Amino acid sequence: MKSDKIFKGAKGAPARSLLYGMGYTKEEIDKPLIGIVNAHNEIIAGHIHLDQIAEAAKKGVAMAGGTPIEFPAIGICDGIAMGHEGMKYPLASRELIADSVEAMALAHGFDGLVLIPNCDKIIPGMLMAAARLNIPCVVVSGGPMRAGKYNGENIDFSTIIEKVGTYQKGQISDDELENISRKACPGCGSCSGLFTANSMNCLTEVLGMGLPYNGTAMAHSGERIRLAKYAGMKVMECIEKDIKPLDVLTLDAFKNAITVDMAMAGSTNTVLHLPAIAHEAGIELKLDLFDEISQKTPYLTKLSPSGKHHMEDLHLAGGIPALMKELAKKGLIKEDLITITGLTVGENIENAKIRNRDVIKSVEEPYRSTGGLAILTGNLATDGCVVKESAVADEMLNHKGSAKVFNSEEDAVNAIFQGKIEKGDVVVIRYEGPKGGPGMREMLSPTSAIAGMGLDKDVALLTDGRFSGATRGAAIGHISPEAMEGGLIGLIEDGDIIEIDIPNKKLEVKLSQDEIDRRKEKHIKPEPKVKKGYLARYAKLVTSANTGAVLK
């Protein structure tokens, strides 16, 4: 065991003395030492209950013969950071989380880890650390929130964001806005739609790094507590069987994850996080692979923001195992891959059943024959960009409009609320990429403002930043190269005609090469927005969105 080198024998006496000082017994020290990485805090709804999950995981480790030792991980709430300078930090925090888990695990010689995240960047950050460390690891997330209820209808966090735009139009009162805000998030858990957190929790399960139903079992449930106990037991089994993350995180496992992502139309942020996790596993995931898999994967679920269903509906309908089993009928799932359960993918999903065909469609009668996300290229995105095609109104799948250009998210939101955006416009928000932001802010505020003001079927938004998993409409993000790296998006001017052709995967600005060259000659690159602290260092090291915004 790794911990033996630190705690056993005469050389280990000083380290043992420190554990004795905390009350550990020799019997505990002699067992495998399992780090319980707990992202609990009191600022994220998805994390407020993680202490209960950690306690359950500890019991599982102890029942299976290990010694659980808890340490923390940071977490930022995207919903609270949204729409201001704080949003520069969530994506950048992914690297801090991975680095801190690495530092704690290696400095203290843990034999294995139970990783307990729940929200957007915490999940991929912990998975990146698992791949980097390659010691036995099991992920058990905090689980999804239930949908809210208002006037007899299901609502969620995206509802209240969009209602801000409705309020700005004078269509609802202060009291109604406040009433909706009290109902949208009824309890703990990751926000109830298929936004980034729940997308990544589901894909953790698909990758084989979490137990079945990790993505969908409700946060505040006995089922979630049992899942955590089993996770603690399973990490001990992984030590016994020598199952490590790099045995699980293979190229085929990532292909499975992309397939399920397309079938359920997950958050566009998965196109950032899967390549970043793969990078730590020594695997390159190119955007072409996402598009290739999308073309052959049927779209089987329509969860918020694309549809009316929520995570609880998916869970009751059979969860991710049932979705995977349905996809396996067409040979779209690699079933012989090992997982942290000690079983193969095929064995994990063998007994799964679809219990509600209204929530999970059959491969014979899907919502659509191709996946829910689309990768676009063209002169405006030579290295690619991404859109949640399933959440785009039919009227906007093909769109040609005049550019309205903004150099920050704030400027764009102000223009939207001031009525300066007209039907047919293409809103361009630039210098918000990984380097330019820095931190590639998630822009739910402008997309929700557009939707709340009733323009989501008339106006497109383009950015080198990114969009929330709660976004709907013709919102095209991750444009690469970004403006700060010399991408053509940095040269667009008001009035330029932009053509969007999502079915044919094209994004073009109608400019001649001579005009582009002329603009390049006179273009002056702006000063960095942040010049000190962590974000300044991050901006110097981060790569483009098409590579997962990893650090080099």
Protein backbone atom coordinates (compact mmCIF):
# COMPACT_ATOMS: atom_id res chain seq x y z
CA MET A 1 0.00 0.00 0.00
CA LYS A 2 1.16 3.56 -0.71
CA SER A 3 0.57 4.56 2.90
CA ASP A 4 2.98 1.88 4.14
CA LYS A 5 5.95 3.94 2.91
CA ILE A 6 4.90 6.84 5.12
CA PHE A 7 3.45 5.22 8.22
CA LYS A 8 5.09 1.80 8.64
CA GLY A 9 8.38 0.83 10.28
CA ALA A 10 10.85 2.92 12.24
CA LYS A 11 10.90 5.68 9.60
CA GLY A 12 7.13 6.00 9.90
CA ALA A 13 7.16 6.64 13.65
CA PRO A 14 7.07 10.46 13.37
CA ALA A 15 4.13 10.33 10.92
CA ARG A 16 2.34 7.80 13.15
CA SER A 17 2.83 10.05 16.15
CA LEU A 18 0.88 12.82 14.40
CA LEU A 19 -2.01 10.45 13.74
CA TYR A 20 -1.88 9.17 17.32
CA GLY A 21 -2.15 12.79 18.44
CA MET A 22 -5.49 13.03 16.62
CA GLY A 23 -6.79 9.86 18.25
CA TYR A 24 -6.17 7.32 15.49
CA THR A 25 -5.40 3.80 16.73
CA LYS A 26 -2.63 1.53 15.50
CA GLU A 27 -5.34 -0.73 14.04
CA GLU A 28 -6.69 2.18 11.97
CA ILE A 29 -3.22 3.19 10.79
CA ASP A 30 -2.49 -0.39 9.69
CA LYS A 31 -5.51 -0.42 7.37
CA PRO A 32 -5.66 1.18 3.89
CA LEU A 33 -6.01 4.95 4.32
CA ILE A 34 -8.81 6.34 2.17
CA GLY A 35 -9.11 10.04 1.50
CA ILE A 36 -12.70 11.29 1.61
CA VAL A 37 -12.57 14.40 -0.59
CA ASN A 38 -15.55 16.47 0.51
CA ALA A 39 -16.58 19.60 -1.43
CA HIS A 40 -19.13 20.57 1.24
CA ASN A 41 -19.70 24.27 1.80
CA GLU A 42 -22.51 26.59 2.83
CA ILE A 43 -22.74 28.68 -0.36
CA ILE A 44 -23.76 26.03 -2.93
CA ALA A 45 -27.21 24.43 -2.82
CA GLY A 46 -25.71 21.31 -4.37
CA HIS A 47 -23.08 21.06 -1.63
CA ILE A 48 -24.89 22.06 1.54
CA HIS A 49 -25.68 18.40 2.32
CA LEU A 50 -22.38 16.81 1.30
CA ASP A 51 -21.37 16.25 4.92
CA GLN A 52 -24.14 13.63 5.07
CA ILE A 53 -22.79 12.02 1.90
CA ALA A 54 -19.25 12.05 3.35
CA GLU A 55 -20.41 10.42 6.60
CA ALA A 56 -22.11 7.67 4.63
CA ALA A 57 -19.02 7.13 2.47
CA LYS A 58 -16.86 6.90 5.60
CA LYS A 59 -19.15 4.21 6.99
CA GLY A 60 -18.82 2.29 3.74
CA VAL A 61 -15.02 2.47 3.85
CA ALA A 62 -14.97 1.36 7.49
CA MET A 63 -17.41 -1.51 6.85
CA ALA A 64 -15.11 -2.77 4.10
CA GLY A 65 -11.96 -2.62 6.23
CA GLY A 66 -10.43 0.77 5.48
CA THR A 67 -9.74 3.93 7.46
CA PRO A 68 -11.55 6.99 6.07
CA ILE A 69 -9.82 10.37 6.45
CA GLU A 70 -11.69 13.45 5.26
CA PHE A 71 -10.24 16.55 3.64
CA PRO A 72 -11.96 19.42 1.77
CA ALA A 73 -12.17 20.75 -1.77
CA ILE A 74 -13.35 24.20 -2.80
CA GLY A 75 -16.45 24.84 -4.87
CA ILE A 76 -17.96 27.88 -6.58
CA CYS A 77 -21.68 28.22 -7.28
CA ASP A 78 -22.08 29.22 -10.93
CA GLY A 79 -25.59 30.50 -10.26
CA ILE A 80 -24.32 32.98 -7.67
CA ALA A 81 -21.20 33.89 -9.67
CA MET A 82 -23.32 34.48 -12.78
CA GLY A 83 -23.45 37.87 -14.46
CA HIS A 84 -20.56 39.63 -12.72
CA GLU A 85 -16.77 39.47 -12.27
CA GLY A 86 -17.10 36.39 -10.07
CA MET A 87 -17.93 34.29 -13.13
CA LYS A 88 -14.31 34.53 -14.24
CA TYR A 89 -13.42 32.03 -11.52
CA PRO A 90 -15.54 28.85 -11.86
CA LEU A 91 -13.78 27.32 -14.89
CA ALA A 92 -10.40 28.42 -13.55
CA SER A 93 -11.27 26.75 -10.23
CA ARG A 94 -11.42 23.39 -12.02
CA GLU A 95 -7.62 23.44 -12.16
CA LEU A 96 -7.32 24.51 -8.51
CA ILE A 97 -9.52 21.58 -7.48
CA ALA A 98 -7.50 19.06 -9.50
CA ASP A 99 -4.23 20.47 -8.19
CA SER A 100 -5.34 20.51 -4.56
CA VAL A 101 -6.63 16.91 -4.64
CA GLU A 102 -3.34 15.84 -6.24
CA ALA A 103 -1.34 17.70 -3.58
CA MET A 104 -3.30 16.27 -0.65
CA ALA A 105 -3.33 12.70 -1.96
CA LEU A 106 0.37 12.52 -2.77
CA ALA A 107 1.56 14.47 0.27
CA HIS A 108 -0.22 12.09 2.64
CA GLY A 109 0.14 8.81 0.79
CA PHE A 110 -3.53 7.87 0.53
CA ASP A 111 -4.21 4.39 -0.79
CA GLY A 112 -7.47 5.42 -2.45
CA LEU A 113 -10.01 8.23 -2.63
CA VAL A 114 -13.76 8.66 -2.46
CA LEU A 115 -14.45 11.85 -4.38
CA ILE A 116 -17.57 13.80 -3.34
CA PRO A 117 -18.44 16.67 -5.72
CA ASN A 118 -21.79 17.83 -7.02
CA CYS A 119 -21.58 20.94 -9.16
CA ASP A 120 -20.16 22.17 -12.42
CA LYS A 121 -16.36 22.47 -12.19
CA ILE A 122 -15.93 20.37 -9.06
CA ILE A 123 -16.91 17.14 -10.82
CA PRO A 124 -14.45 17.42 -13.73
CA GLY A 125 -11.77 18.83 -11.40
CA MET A 126 -11.95 15.73 -9.22
CA LEU A 127 -12.03 13.40 -12.23
CA MET A 128 -8.96 15.15 -13.64
CA ALA A 129 -7.20 14.54 -10.33
CA ALA A 130 -8.23 10.89 -10.33
CA ALA A 131 -6.73 10.37 -13.78
CA ARG A 132 -3.58 12.26 -12.81
CA LEU A 133 -3.06 10.32 -9.57
CA ASN A 134 -4.14 6.92 -10.90
CA ILE A 135 -4.85 5.46 -7.47
CA PRO A 136 -8.14 3.65 -6.77
CA CYS A 137 -10.94 6.25 -6.80
CA VAL A 138 -14.72 6.18 -6.71
CA VAL A 139 -16.90 9.23 -7.30
CA VAL A 140 -20.18 9.66 -5.45
CA SER A 141 -21.92 12.94 -6.15
CA GLY A 142 -24.43 14.77 -4.01
CA GLY A 143 -27.29 14.17 -6.46
CA PRO A 144 -29.84 16.39 -8.20
CA MET A 145 -32.38 18.78 -6.73
CA ARG A 146 -36.06 18.18 -7.27
CA ALA A 147 -37.92 20.50 -9.62
CA GLY A 148 -39.76 23.45 -8.11
CA LYS A 149 -43.50 23.97 -8.42
CA TYR A 150 -45.29 27.20 -9.29
CA ASN A 151 -48.94 27.53 -10.30
CA GLY A 152 -49.11 23.79 -10.84
CA GLU A 153 -46.12 23.64 -13.20
CA ASN A 154 -42.56 22.40 -12.77
CA ILE A 155 -39.94 25.15 -12.70
CA ASP A 156 -36.18 25.30 -12.08
CA PHE A 157 -33.25 27.69 -11.77
CA SER A 158 -33.38 28.61 -15.46
CA THR A 159 -37.00 29.71 -14.96
CA ILE A 160 -36.10 32.42 -12.49
CA ILE A 161 -33.20 33.63 -14.65
CA GLU A 162 -35.53 33.99 -17.65
CA LYS A 163 -38.18 35.71 -15.52
CA VAL A 164 -35.75 38.58 -14.94
CA GLY A 165 -36.13 39.40 -18.64
CA THR A 166 -39.91 39.09 -18.34
CA TYR A 167 -39.79 41.46 -15.36
CA GLN A 168 -37.69 43.96 -17.34
CA LYS A 169 -40.45 44.02 -19.95
CA GLY A 170 -42.95 44.89 -17.23
CA GLN A 171 -44.90 41.65 -17.68
CA ILE A 172 -44.61 40.45 -14.06
CA SER A 173 -44.52 42.31 -10.75
CA ASP A 174 -41.87 42.45 -8.03
CA ASP A 175 -43.98 40.16 -5.87
CA GLU A 176 -44.38 37.55 -8.59
CA LEU A 177 -40.66 37.57 -9.35
CA GLU A 178 -39.94 37.07 -5.65
CA ASN A 179 -42.51 34.28 -5.37
CA ILE A 180 -40.96 32.42 -8.29
CA SER A 181 -37.47 32.85 -6.80
CA ARG A 182 -38.72 31.20 -3.58
CA LYS A 183 -40.11 28.20 -5.49
CA ALA A 184 -37.50 27.55 -8.21
CA CYS A 185 -34.98 25.73 -5.97
CA PRO A 186 -37.00 23.74 -3.41
CA GLY A 187 -34.09 22.08 -1.59
CA CYS A 188 -30.53 20.84 -1.71
CA GLY A 189 -28.92 19.26 -4.75
CA SER A 190 -27.55 20.25 -8.13
CA CYS A 191 -30.07 22.34 -10.09
CA SER A 192 -32.86 20.10 -11.32
CA GLY A 193 -32.53 20.34 -15.11
CA LEU A 194 -29.94 18.69 -17.34
CA PHE A 195 -27.55 21.56 -16.77
CA THR A 196 -23.76 21.16 -16.50
CA ALA A 197 -23.64 19.66 -13.00
CA ASN A 198 -26.19 16.94 -13.71
CA SER A 199 -24.74 16.33 -17.16
CA MET A 200 -21.31 15.69 -15.65
CA ASN A 201 -22.71 13.58 -12.80
CA CYS A 202 -24.44 11.39 -15.38
CA LEU A 203 -21.32 11.16 -17.53
CA THR A 204 -19.23 10.18 -14.48
CA GLU A 205 -21.51 7.17 -14.24
CA VAL A 206 -21.14 6.45 -17.97
CA LEU A 207 -17.35 6.73 -17.80
CA GLY A 208 -17.39 3.98 -15.18
CA MET A 209 -16.05 6.17 -12.35
CA GLY A 210 -19.33 6.32 -10.41
CA LEU A 211 -21.89 3.70 -9.42
CA PRO A 212 -25.09 3.20 -11.43
CA TYR A 213 -27.63 5.96 -10.68
CA ASN A 214 -24.89 8.32 -9.44
CA GLY A 215 -26.24 10.88 -11.91
CA THR A 216 -29.93 10.70 -11.09
CA ALA A 217 -30.66 9.45 -7.55
CA MET A 218 -32.17 12.41 -5.71
CA ALA A 219 -29.98 14.45 -3.36
CA HIS A 220 -32.22 14.24 -0.33
CA SER A 221 -33.01 10.53 -0.36
CA GLY A 222 -32.13 7.29 1.37
CA GLU A 223 -31.06 5.98 -2.02
CA ARG A 224 -28.34 8.66 -2.25
CA ILE A 225 -27.05 7.79 1.26
CA ARG A 226 -26.92 4.10 0.36
CA LEU A 227 -25.08 4.97 -2.85
CA ALA A 228 -22.44 6.79 -0.78
CA LYS A 229 -22.01 3.81 1.54
CA TYR A 230 -21.56 1.51 -1.45
CA ALA A 231 -19.03 3.95 -2.92
CA GLY A 232 -16.97 3.61 0.26
CA MET A 233 -17.15 -0.16 -0.01
CA LYS A 234 -16.30 -0.12 -3.70
CA VAL A 235 -13.10 1.87 -3.30
CA MET A 236 -11.86 -0.90 -1.00
CA GLU A 237 -12.80 -3.46 -3.64
CA CYS A 238 -10.91 -1.41 -6.23
CA ILE A 239 -7.81 -1.56 -4.02
CA GLU A 240 -8.21 -5.32 -3.63
CA LYS A 241 -8.72 -5.86 -7.38
CA ASP A 242 -6.19 -3.16 -8.35
CA ILE A 243 -8.73 -1.24 -10.47
CA LYS A 244 -7.38 2.24 -11.12
CA PRO A 245 -8.78 5.24 -13.00
CA LEU A 246 -6.63 4.70 -16.08
CA ASP A 247 -8.02 1.16 -16.36
CA VAL A 248 -11.47 2.72 -16.57
CA LEU A 249 -10.86 6.02 -18.42
CA THR A 250 -10.08 4.58 -21.83
CA LEU A 251 -10.84 6.09 -25.23
CA ASP A 252 -13.84 3.76 -25.55
CA ALA A 253 -15.15 4.95 -22.17
CA PHE A 254 -14.99 8.54 -23.39
CA LYS A 255 -16.78 7.51 -26.59
CA ASN A 256 -19.54 6.01 -24.43
CA ALA A 257 -19.75 9.27 -22.50
CA ILE A 258 -19.99 11.36 -25.66
CA THR A 259 -22.66 9.01 -27.01
CA VAL A 260 -24.83 9.38 -23.91
CA ASP A 261 -24.15 13.11 -23.89
CA MET A 262 -25.55 13.37 -27.41
CA ALA A 263 -28.50 11.09 -26.64
CA MET A 264 -29.58 13.23 -23.70
CA ALA A 265 -28.46 16.64 -25.06
CA GLY A 266 -26.28 17.49 -22.10
CA SER A 267 -24.71 20.85 -21.37
CA THR A 268 -22.36 22.33 -23.97
CA ASN A 269 -19.82 22.54 -21.13
CA THR A 270 -19.29 18.79 -21.40
CA VAL A 271 -17.37 19.59 -24.59
CA LEU A 272 -14.91 21.45 -22.34
CA HIS A 273 -14.73 18.97 -19.50
CA LEU A 274 -14.51 15.59 -21.24
CA PRO A 275 -11.42 16.63 -23.26
CA ALA A 276 -9.82 18.03 -20.09
CA ILE A 277 -10.36 14.77 -18.19
CA ALA A 278 -9.14 12.79 -21.20
CA HIS A 279 -6.05 15.02 -21.39
CA GLU A 280 -5.11 13.95 -17.86
CA ALA A 281 -5.56 10.32 -18.97
CA GLY A 282 -3.21 10.88 -21.92
CA ILE A 283 -6.03 10.80 -24.48
CA GLU A 284 -6.80 13.49 -27.04
CA LEU A 285 -10.49 14.11 -27.67
CA LYS A 286 -10.94 16.27 -30.75
CA LEU A 287 -14.13 18.16 -31.53
CA ASP A 288 -14.44 16.09 -34.71
CA LEU A 289 -15.13 13.05 -32.53
CA PHE A 290 -18.07 14.77 -30.85
CA ASP A 291 -19.54 15.59 -34.26
CA GLU A 292 -18.89 12.10 -35.62
CA ILE A 293 -20.67 10.48 -32.67
CA SER A 294 -23.51 13.00 -32.80
CA GLN A 295 -24.26 12.07 -36.40
CA LYS A 296 -25.05 8.45 -35.49
CA THR A 297 -26.59 8.90 -32.03
CA PRO A 298 -30.38 9.31 -31.67
CA TYR A 299 -31.67 11.98 -29.34
CA LEU A 300 -33.76 10.11 -26.74
CA THR A 301 -34.45 12.42 -23.78
CA LYS A 302 -35.77 15.98 -23.66
CA LEU A 303 -34.96 17.40 -20.26
CA SER A 304 -34.99 21.03 -19.17
CA PRO A 305 -33.85 23.38 -20.69
CA SER A 306 -34.62 21.50 -23.92
CA GLY A 307 -37.90 20.04 -22.67
CA LYS A 308 -40.34 19.76 -19.79
CA HIS A 309 -38.80 16.84 -17.87
CA HIS A 310 -36.33 17.05 -14.98
CA MET A 311 -33.77 14.76 -13.35
CA GLU A 312 -36.31 13.10 -11.07
CA ASP A 313 -38.30 12.11 -14.17
CA LEU A 314 -35.21 10.59 -15.78
CA HIS A 315 -34.42 8.68 -12.59
CA LEU A 316 -37.93 7.25 -12.27
CA ALA A 317 -37.84 6.33 -15.97
CA GLY A 318 -34.82 4.09 -15.41
CA GLY A 319 -31.93 6.54 -15.22
CA ILE A 320 -28.70 6.42 -17.16
CA PRO A 321 -28.48 2.58 -17.15
CA ALA A 322 -31.82 2.39 -19.01
CA LEU A 323 -30.69 5.06 -21.48
CA MET A 324 -27.42 3.21 -22.09
CA LYS A 325 -29.18 -0.10 -22.55
CA GLU A 326 -31.46 1.47 -25.15
CA LEU A 327 -28.45 2.89 -27.03
CA ALA A 328 -26.75 -0.50 -26.82
CA LYS A 329 -29.55 -1.93 -28.98
CA LYS A 330 -27.96 -0.08 -31.91
CA GLY A 331 -24.45 -1.10 -30.90
CA LEU A 332 -23.65 2.46 -29.79
CA ILE A 333 -22.34 1.52 -26.33
CA LYS A 334 -19.10 -0.40 -25.74
CA GLU A 335 -20.23 -2.97 -23.18
CA ASP A 336 -17.02 -4.88 -22.41
CA LEU A 337 -15.28 -2.03 -20.54
CA ILE A 338 -14.32 -2.40 -16.88
CA THR A 339 -15.80 0.03 -14.34
CA ILE A 340 -15.13 0.83 -10.68
CA THR A 341 -17.96 -1.57 -9.79
CA GLY A 342 -15.63 -4.43 -10.76
CA LEU A 343 -18.16 -5.31 -13.46
CA THR A 344 -18.28 -4.38 -17.11
CA VAL A 345 -20.54 -1.72 -18.56
CA GLY A 346 -22.72 -4.46 -20.02
CA GLU A 347 -23.08 -6.18 -16.65
CA ASN A 348 -23.94 -2.88 -14.96
CA ILE A 349 -26.81 -2.16 -17.35
CA GLU A 350 -27.98 -5.74 -17.92
CA ASN A 351 -31.13 -5.49 -15.79
CA ALA A 352 -32.00 -1.88 -16.58
CA LYS A 353 -35.44 -1.09 -17.97
CA ILE A 354 -37.13 1.97 -19.40
CA ARG A 355 -40.14 2.64 -17.17
CA ASN A 356 -41.51 5.68 -18.95
CA ARG A 357 -41.29 5.98 -22.74
CA ASP A 358 -42.41 9.57 -22.53
CA VAL A 359 -39.12 10.41 -20.79
CA ILE A 360 -36.72 8.02 -22.56
CA LYS A 361 -37.67 7.36 -26.16
CA SER A 362 -36.78 4.21 -28.05
CA VAL A 363 -33.99 4.12 -30.63
CA GLU A 364 -36.67 3.21 -33.18
CA GLU A 365 -38.73 6.34 -32.41
CA PRO A 366 -36.33 9.01 -31.11
CA TYR A 367 -36.97 12.73 -30.91
CA ARG A 368 -34.41 13.01 -33.66
CA SER A 369 -32.00 10.64 -35.38
CA THR A 370 -28.93 12.73 -34.47
CA GLY A 371 -27.52 14.01 -31.19
CA GLY A 372 -28.47 17.04 -29.12
CA LEU A 373 -25.18 18.95 -29.45
CA ALA A 374 -23.61 20.20 -32.68
CA ILE A 375 -20.06 21.28 -33.52
CA LEU A 376 -19.90 24.08 -36.09
CA THR A 377 -16.92 25.30 -38.13
CA GLY A 378 -16.35 28.04 -40.69
CA ASN A 379 -14.29 31.18 -41.08
CA LEU A 380 -15.65 32.52 -37.79
CA ALA A 381 -14.67 29.34 -35.91
CA THR A 382 -11.88 27.59 -37.79
CA ASP A 383 -11.12 25.45 -34.73
CA GLY A 384 -14.79 24.86 -33.96
CA CYS A 385 -17.60 25.98 -31.67
CA VAL A 386 -20.57 24.30 -30.00
CA VAL A 387 -24.34 24.74 -29.75
CA LYS A 388 -27.06 22.79 -27.94
CA GLU A 389 -29.01 22.09 -31.11
CA SER A 390 -31.84 20.42 -29.21
CA ALA A 391 -32.61 23.70 -27.41
CA VAL A 392 -32.67 25.82 -30.58
CA ALA A 393 -36.05 26.80 -32.03
CA ASP A 394 -36.63 25.43 -35.53
CA GLU A 395 -36.83 28.98 -36.86
CA MET A 396 -33.25 29.64 -35.75
CA LEU A 397 -31.52 26.52 -37.10
CA ASN A 398 -30.76 28.57 -40.21
CA HIS A 399 -30.29 32.26 -39.59
CA LYS A 400 -28.64 35.19 -41.30
CA GLY A 401 -28.45 38.49 -39.45
CA SER A 402 -26.63 41.70 -38.73
CA ALA A 403 -23.96 41.67 -36.02
CA LYS A 404 -24.26 43.68 -32.82
CA VAL A 405 -20.81 43.48 -31.26
CA PHE A 406 -19.86 43.76 -27.57
CA ASN A 407 -16.50 43.37 -25.87
CA SER A 408 -17.96 42.09 -22.61
CA GLU A 409 -20.98 40.27 -21.23
CA GLU A 410 -22.07 43.32 -19.20
CA ASP A 411 -22.23 45.53 -22.29
CA ALA A 412 -24.36 42.96 -24.09
CA VAL A 413 -26.81 42.51 -21.19
CA ASN A 414 -27.24 46.27 -20.83
CA ALA A 415 -28.00 46.59 -24.54
CA ILE A 416 -30.56 43.76 -24.38
CA PHE A 417 -32.41 45.29 -21.41
CA GLN A 418 -32.31 48.75 -23.02
CA GLY A 419 -34.12 47.39 -26.08
CA LYS A 420 -31.17 47.90 -28.43
CA ILE A 421 -31.35 44.36 -29.83
CA GLU A 422 -33.81 43.89 -32.67
CA LYS A 423 -35.36 40.83 -34.25
CA GLY A 424 -32.94 39.20 -36.67
CA ASP A 425 -29.78 40.48 -34.93
CA VAL A 426 -26.77 38.32 -34.11
CA VAL A 427 -25.34 39.37 -30.76
CA VAL A 428 -21.56 38.84 -30.65
CA ILE A 429 -19.87 38.79 -27.23
CA ARG A 430 -16.09 38.57 -27.44
CA TYR A 431 -12.99 38.77 -25.26
CA GLU A 432 -14.73 36.36 -22.89
CA GLY A 433 -12.72 33.24 -23.81
CA PRO A 434 -10.33 31.31 -21.54
CA LYS A 435 -7.58 33.91 -22.06
CA GLY A 436 -9.66 36.96 -22.88
CA GLY A 437 -12.16 36.71 -20.02
CA PRO A 438 -10.07 35.42 -18.45
CA GLY A 439 -11.87 32.31 -17.28
CA MET A 440 -14.42 31.91 -20.08
CA ARG A 441 -17.47 33.19 -18.26
CA GLU A 442 -20.71 31.26 -18.48
CA MET A 443 -23.35 33.57 -19.93
CA LEU A 444 -26.78 32.58 -18.74
CA SER A 445 -27.67 36.22 -18.14
CA PRO A 446 -27.70 37.40 -21.80
CA THR A 447 -29.30 34.22 -23.13
CA SER A 448 -31.98 34.28 -20.44
CA ALA A 449 -32.54 38.00 -21.04
CA ILE A 450 -33.13 37.23 -24.72
CA ALA A 451 -35.49 34.36 -23.85
CA GLY A 452 -37.27 36.32 -21.12
CA MET A 453 -37.93 39.18 -23.52
CA GLY A 454 -39.39 36.81 -26.09
CA LEU A 455 -36.57 37.09 -28.63
CA ASP A 456 -35.14 33.56 -28.44
CA LYS A 457 -36.78 32.66 -31.78
CA ASP A 458 -35.46 35.79 -33.48
CA VAL A 459 -31.99 36.56 -32.11
CA ALA A 460 -28.78 34.49 -32.05
CA LEU A 461 -25.87 34.90 -29.63
CA LEU A 462 -22.25 34.06 -30.46
CA THR A 463 -19.32 34.13 -28.07
CA ASP A 464 -15.78 32.93 -27.47
CA GLY A 465 -17.00 32.45 -23.91
CA ARG A 466 -19.44 29.74 -22.94
CA PHE A 467 -23.05 29.25 -21.98
CA SER A 468 -24.71 27.68 -18.99
CA GLY A 469 -26.19 24.22 -19.25
CA ALA A 470 -29.48 25.99 -18.49
CA THR A 471 -29.26 27.98 -21.73
CA ARG A 472 -31.76 27.59 -24.56
CA GLY A 473 -31.94 29.28 -27.93
CA ALA A 474 -29.43 29.85 -30.74
CA ALA A 475 -26.53 30.35 -28.34
CA ILE A 476 -23.24 29.36 -29.95
CA GLY A 477 -20.22 29.28 -27.67
CA HIS A 478 -16.59 28.16 -27.39
CA ILE A 479 -15.72 29.95 -30.65
CA SER A 480 -12.09 29.05 -31.34
CA PRO A 481 -9.68 30.68 -31.84
CA GLU A 482 -10.91 33.23 -29.31
CA ALA A 483 -10.58 36.96 -29.87
CA MET A 484 -7.62 37.27 -27.49
CA GLU A 485 -5.72 34.72 -29.59
CA GLY A 486 -6.36 36.49 -32.86
CA GLY A 487 -9.60 34.76 -33.87
CA LEU A 488 -11.76 36.39 -36.52
CA ILE A 489 -14.43 37.05 -33.89
CA GLY A 490 -12.15 39.87 -32.70
CA LEU A 491 -12.41 41.62 -36.08
CA ILE A 492 -16.19 41.62 -36.52
CA GLU A 493 -17.88 45.02 -36.67
CA ASP A 494 -21.47 46.14 -36.15
CA GLY A 495 -23.49 45.47 -39.26
CA ASP A 496 -21.41 42.56 -40.58
CA ILE A 497 -23.64 39.78 -41.89
CA ILE A 498 -23.29 36.48 -40.06
CA GLU A 499 -24.76 33.25 -41.39
CA ILE A 500 -25.61 30.36 -39.09
CA ASP A 501 -26.40 26.97 -40.61
CA ILE A 502 -26.71 24.48 -37.75
CA PRO A 503 -27.98 21.51 -39.82
CA ASN A 504 -24.91 21.81 -42.07
CA LYS A 505 -22.58 22.70 -39.16
CA LYS A 506 -21.48 26.07 -40.57
CA LEU A 507 -20.75 29.46 -38.99
CA GLU A 508 -19.56 32.22 -41.36
CA VAL A 509 -19.15 35.97 -41.40
CA LYS A 510 -19.67 37.37 -44.89
CA LEU A 511 -16.37 39.21 -45.38
CA SER A 512 -13.90 39.04 -48.25
CA GLN A 513 -10.34 37.97 -47.51
CA ASP A 514 -9.12 41.43 -48.54
CA GLU A 515 -11.40 43.03 -45.94
CA ILE A 516 -10.29 40.55 -43.28
CA ASP A 517 -6.62 41.30 -44.07
CA ARG A 518 -7.31 45.06 -43.90
CA ARG A 519 -8.90 44.74 -40.49
CA LYS A 520 -6.05 42.57 -39.20
CA GLU A 521 -3.54 45.24 -40.16
CA LYS A 522 -5.25 47.97 -38.15
CA HIS A 523 -6.39 45.78 -35.24
CA ILE A 524 -4.91 46.58 -31.83
CA LYS A 525 -5.05 43.76 -29.31
CA PRO A 526 -6.54 45.01 -26.01
CA GLU A 527 -4.74 44.89 -22.70
CA PRO A 528 -5.49 41.87 -20.47
CA LYS A 529 -8.54 42.49 -18.28
CA VAL A 530 -6.80 41.01 -15.22
CA LYS A 531 -3.12 41.66 -14.54
CA LYS A 532 -2.49 40.14 -11.12
CA GLY A 533 -3.41 37.16 -8.98
CA TYR A 534 -4.50 33.68 -9.94
CA LEU A 535 -6.51 34.71 -13.01
CA ALA A 536 -3.51 36.50 -14.53
CA ARG A 537 -1.41 33.33 -14.16
CA TYR A 538 -4.30 31.24 -15.48
CA ALA A 539 -4.64 33.43 -18.59
CA LYS A 540 -0.97 32.91 -19.46
CA LEU A 541 -1.21 29.11 -19.27
CA VAL A 542 -4.70 28.24 -20.51
CA THR A 543 -5.34 26.82 -23.99
CA SER A 544 -8.32 27.33 -26.28
CA ALA A 545 -11.80 25.98 -25.67
CA ASN A 546 -11.48 23.44 -28.49
CA THR A 547 -8.78 21.65 -26.46
CA GLY A 548 -10.79 21.68 -23.23
CA ALA A 549 -9.22 24.90 -21.87
CA VAL A 550 -6.47 22.87 -20.17
CA LEU A 551 -3.33 24.43 -18.74
CA LYS A 552 0.01 24.02 -20.47
